[in-house]
Amino acid sequence: MRPTLALTVFLATLTLAACNTTEGVGKDIKSAGGAIEKTAQDAKK
């Protein structure tokens, strides 16, 4: 029973870490998109 509990805790921790990583990547992509959009609008002027 103990190995199962340890595995469950490990997988839960891994899942939570992956969620934070995915959220960070999403923010980075959004930021890059904003920079590209600003550059395009500046070039349009």
PDB file of N, CA and C in Angstrom:
ATOM      1  N   MET A   1       0.822  -1.194   0.000  1.00  0.00           N
ATOM      2  CA  MET A   1       0.000   0.000   0.000  1.00  0.00           C
ATOM      3  C   MET A   1       0.871   1.265   0.000  1.00  0.00           C
ATOM      4  N   ARG A   2       1.986   1.254   0.677  1.00  0.00           N
ATOM      5  CA  ARG A   2       2.838   2.435   0.750  1.00  0.00           C
ATOM      6  C   ARG A   2       3.413   2.834  -0.602  1.00  0.00           C
ATOM      7  N   PRO A   3       3.896   1.890  -1.413  1.00  0.00           N
ATOM      8  CA  PRO A   3       4.420   2.292  -2.726  1.00  0.00           C
ATOM      9  C   PRO A   3       3.355   2.962  -3.591  1.00  0.00           C
ATOM     10  N   THR A   4       2.122   2.515  -3.466  1.00  0.00           N
ATOM     11  CA  THR A   4       1.031   3.115  -4.235  1.00  0.00           C
ATOM     12  C   THR A   4       0.808   4.561  -3.801  1.00  0.00           C
ATOM     13  N   LEU A   5       0.840   4.801  -2.505  1.00  0.00           N
ATOM     14  CA  LEU A   5       0.666   6.158  -1.989  1.00  0.00           C
ATOM     15  C   LEU A   5       1.816   7.056  -2.444  1.00  0.00           C
ATOM     16  N   ALA A   6       3.026   6.556  -2.367  1.00  0.00           N
ATOM     17  CA  ALA A   6       4.185   7.334  -2.800  1.00  0.00           C
ATOM     18  C   ALA A   6       4.092   7.661  -4.286  1.00  0.00           C
ATOM     19  N   LEU A   7       3.679   6.699  -5.079  1.00  0.00           N
ATOM     20  CA  LEU A   7       3.528   6.923  -6.515  1.00  0.00           C
ATOM     21  C   LEU A   7       2.440   7.953  -6.793  1.00  0.00           C
ATOM     22  N   THR A   8       1.347   7.890  -6.060  1.00  0.00           N
ATOM     23  CA  THR A   8       0.253   8.843  -6.234  1.00  0.00           C
ATOM     24  C   THR A   8       0.712  10.264  -5.903  1.00  0.00           C
ATOM     25  N   VAL A   9       1.430  10.416  -4.804  1.00  0.00           N
ATOM     26  CA  VAL A   9       1.936  11.734  -4.416  1.00  0.00           C
ATOM     27  C   VAL A   9       2.921  12.252  -5.463  1.00  0.00           C
ATOM     28  N   PHE A  10       3.790  11.386  -5.939  1.00  0.00           N
ATOM     29  CA  PHE A  10       4.757  11.774  -6.965  1.00  0.00           C
ATOM     30  C   PHE A  10       4.052  12.235  -8.237  1.00  0.00           C
ATOM     31  N   LEU A  11       3.069  11.482  -8.686  1.00  0.00           N
ATOM     32  CA  LEU A  11       2.350  11.841  -9.915  1.00  0.00           C
ATOM     33  C   LEU A  11       1.553  13.132  -9.743  1.00  0.00           C
ATOM     34  N   ALA A  12       0.978  13.338  -8.562  1.00  0.00           N
ATOM     35  CA  ALA A  12       0.238  14.578  -8.304  1.00  0.00           C
ATOM     36  C   ALA A  12       1.182  15.780  -8.350  1.00  0.00           C
ATOM     37  N   THR A  13       2.355  15.634  -7.768  1.00  0.00           N
ATOM     38  CA  THR A  13       3.351  16.707  -7.788  1.00  0.00           C
ATOM     39  C   THR A  13       3.803  17.001  -9.210  1.00  0.00           C
ATOM     40  N   LEU A  14       4.042  15.964  -9.964  1.00  0.00           N
ATOM     41  CA  LEU A  14       4.459  16.115 -11.354  1.00  0.00           C
ATOM     42  C   LEU A  14       3.383  16.820 -12.175  1.00  0.00           C
ATOM     43  N   THR A  15       2.134  16.463 -11.945  1.00  0.00           N
ATOM     44  CA  THR A  15       1.018  17.078 -12.669  1.00  0.00           C
ATOM     45  C   THR A  15       0.915  18.566 -12.347  1.00  0.00           C
ATOM     46  N   LEU A  16       1.035  18.910 -11.073  1.00  0.00           N
ATOM     47  CA  LEU A  16       0.961  20.323 -10.688  1.00  0.00           C
ATOM     48  C   LEU A  16       2.118  21.119 -11.272  1.00  0.00           C
ATOM     49  N   ALA A  17       3.289  20.540 -11.300  1.00  0.00           N
ATOM     50  CA  ALA A  17       4.446  21.220 -11.891  1.00  0.00           C
ATOM     51  C   ALA A  17       4.237  21.428 -13.388  1.00  0.00           C
ATOM     52  N   ALA A  18       3.666  20.451 -14.051  1.00  0.00           N
ATOM     53  CA  ALA A  18       3.410  20.565 -15.492  1.00  0.00           C
ATOM     54  C   ALA A  18       2.405  21.676 -15.770  1.00  0.00           C
ATOM     55  N   CYS A  19       1.410  21.821 -14.912  1.00  0.00           N
ATOM     56  CA  CYS A  19       0.417  22.885 -15.104  1.00  0.00           C
ATOM     57  C   CYS A  19       1.080  24.255 -15.018  1.00  0.00           C
ATOM     58  N   ASN A  20       1.952  24.442 -14.046  1.00  0.00           N
ATOM     59  CA  ASN A  20       2.654  25.725 -13.927  1.00  0.00           C
ATOM     60  C   ASN A  20       3.539  25.974 -15.128  1.00  0.00           C
ATOM     61  N   THR A  21       4.197  24.950 -15.618  1.00  0.00           N
ATOM     62  CA  THR A  21       5.065  25.094 -16.780  1.00  0.00           C
ATOM     63  C   THR A  21       4.245  25.478 -18.006  1.00  0.00           C
ATOM     64  N   THR A  22       3.117  24.828 -18.195  1.00  0.00           N
ATOM     65  CA  THR A  22       2.247  25.123 -19.331  1.00  0.00           C
ATOM     66  C   THR A  22       1.723  26.551 -19.249  1.00  0.00           C
ATOM     67  N   GLU A  23       1.364  26.982 -18.059  1.00  0.00           N
ATOM     68  CA  GLU A  23       0.876  28.349 -17.890  1.00  0.00           C
ATOM     69  C   GLU A  23       1.974  29.353 -18.235  1.00  0.00           C
ATOM     70  N   GLY A  24       3.187  29.073 -17.816  1.00  0.00           N
ATOM     71  CA  GLY A  24       4.314  29.960 -18.116  1.00  0.00           C
ATOM     72  C   GLY A  24       4.589  30.050 -19.605  1.00  0.00           C
ATOM     73  N   VAL A  25       4.516  28.917 -20.286  1.00  0.00           N
ATOM     74  CA  VAL A  25       4.722  28.907 -21.738  1.00  0.00           C
ATOM     75  C   VAL A  25       3.634  29.725 -22.415  1.00  0.00           C
ATOM     76  N   GLY A  26       2.414  29.588 -21.959  1.00  0.00           N
ATOM     77  CA  GLY A  26       1.306  30.360 -22.524  1.00  0.00           C
ATOM     78  C   GLY A  26       1.527  31.857 -22.381  1.00  0.00           C
ATOM     79  N   LYS A  27       2.021  32.264 -21.228  1.00  0.00           N
ATOM     80  CA  LYS A  27       2.302  33.693 -21.011  1.00  0.00           C
ATOM     81  C   LYS A  27       3.432  34.168 -21.919  1.00  0.00           C
ATOM     82  N   ASP A  28       4.456  33.335 -22.083  1.00  0.00           N
ATOM     83  CA  ASP A  28       5.572  33.701 -22.959  1.00  0.00           C
ATOM     84  C   ASP A  28       5.111  33.865 -24.401  1.00  0.00           C
ATOM     85  N   ILE A  29       4.275  32.953 -24.871  1.00  0.00           N
ATOM     86  CA  ILE A  29       3.768  33.021 -26.247  1.00  0.00           C
ATOM     87  C   ILE A  29       2.896  34.260 -26.421  1.00  0.00           C
ATOM     88  N   LYS A  30       2.070  34.552 -25.433  1.00  0.00           N
ATOM     89  CA  LYS A  30       1.207  35.729 -25.497  1.00  0.00           C
ATOM     90  C   LYS A  30       2.052  37.005 -25.544  1.00  0.00           C
ATOM     91  N   SER A  31       3.097  37.046 -24.741  1.00  0.00           N
ATOM     92  CA  SER A  31       3.991  38.203 -24.716  1.00  0.00           C
ATOM     93  C   SER A  31       4.697  38.382 -26.057  1.00  0.00           C
ATOM     94  N   ALA A  32       5.171  37.286 -26.624  1.00  0.00           N
ATOM     95  CA  ALA A  32       5.845  37.349 -27.929  1.00  0.00           C
ATOM     96  C   ALA A  32       4.871  37.816 -29.007  1.00  0.00           C
ATOM     97  N   GLY A  33       3.644  37.340 -28.955  1.00  0.00           N
ATOM     98  CA  GLY A  33       2.630  37.761 -29.925  1.00  0.00           C
ATOM     99  C   GLY A  33       2.350  39.252 -29.823  1.00  0.00           C
ATOM    100  N   GLY A  34       2.303  39.762 -28.597  1.00  0.00           N
ATOM    101  CA  GLY A  34       2.094  41.190 -28.394  1.00  0.00           C
ATOM    102  C   GLY A  34       3.242  42.015 -28.960  1.00  0.00           C
ATOM    103  N   ALA A  35       4.457  41.533 -28.777  1.00  0.00           N
ATOM    104  CA  ALA A  35       5.627  42.244 -29.304  1.00  0.00           C
ATOM    105  C   ALA A  35       5.615  42.252 -30.828  1.00  0.00           C
ATOM    106  N   ILE A  36       5.252  41.142 -31.425  1.00  0.00           N
ATOM    107  CA  ILE A  36       5.177  41.060 -32.892  1.00  0.00           C
ATOM    108  C   ILE A  36       4.098  41.998 -33.415  1.00  0.00           C
ATOM    109  N   GLU A  37       2.954  42.019 -32.729  1.00  0.00           N
ATOM    110  CA  GLU A  37       1.858  42.894 -33.151  1.00  0.00           C
ATOM    111  C   GLU A  37       2.274  44.366 -33.060  1.00  0.00           C
ATOM    112  N   LYS A  38       2.966  44.740 -31.982  1.00  0.00           N
ATOM    113  CA  LYS A  38       3.420  46.124 -31.824  1.00  0.00           C
ATOM    114  C   LYS A  38       4.411  46.499 -32.921  1.00  0.00           C
ATOM    115  N   THR A  39       5.329  45.603 -33.223  1.00  0.00           N
ATOM    116  CA  THR A  39       6.310  45.858 -34.278  1.00  0.00           C
ATOM    117  C   THR A  39       5.616  46.036 -35.623  1.00  0.00           C
ATOM    118  N   ALA A  40       4.624  45.214 -35.893  1.00  0.00           N
ATOM    119  CA  ALA A  40       3.889  45.313 -37.156  1.00  0.00           C
ATOM    120  C   ALA A  40       3.137  46.638 -37.246  1.00  0.00           C
ATOM    121  N   GLN A  41       2.545  47.067 -36.140  1.00  0.00           N
ATOM    122  CA  GLN A  41       1.812  48.332 -36.155  1.00  0.00           C
ATOM    123  C   GLN A  41       2.767  49.517 -36.294  1.00  0.00           C
ATOM    124  N   ASP A  42       3.941  49.425 -35.660  1.00  0.00           N
ATOM    125  CA  ASP A  42       4.937  50.495 -35.801  1.00  0.00           C
ATOM    126  C   ASP A  42       5.438  50.584 -37.245  1.00  0.00           C
ATOM    127  N   ALA A  43       5.607  49.456 -37.897  1.00  0.00           N
ATOM    128  CA  ALA A  43       6.077  49.430 -39.285  1.00  0.00           C
ATOM    129  C   ALA A  43       5.009  49.973 -40.231  1.00  0.00           C
ATOM    130  N   LYS A  44       3.758  49.847 -39.834  1.00  0.00           N
ATOM    131  CA  LYS A  44       2.636  50.298 -40.654  1.00  0.00           C
ATOM    132  C   LYS A  44       2.562  51.830 -40.706  1.00  0.00           C
ATOM    133  N   LYS A  45       3.034  52.496 -39.661  1.00  0.00           N
ATOM    134  CA  LYS A  45       2.930  53.969 -39.552  1.00  0.00           C
ATOM    135  C   LYS A  45       3.785  54.690 -40.534  1.00  0.00           C
TER     136      LYS A  45
END
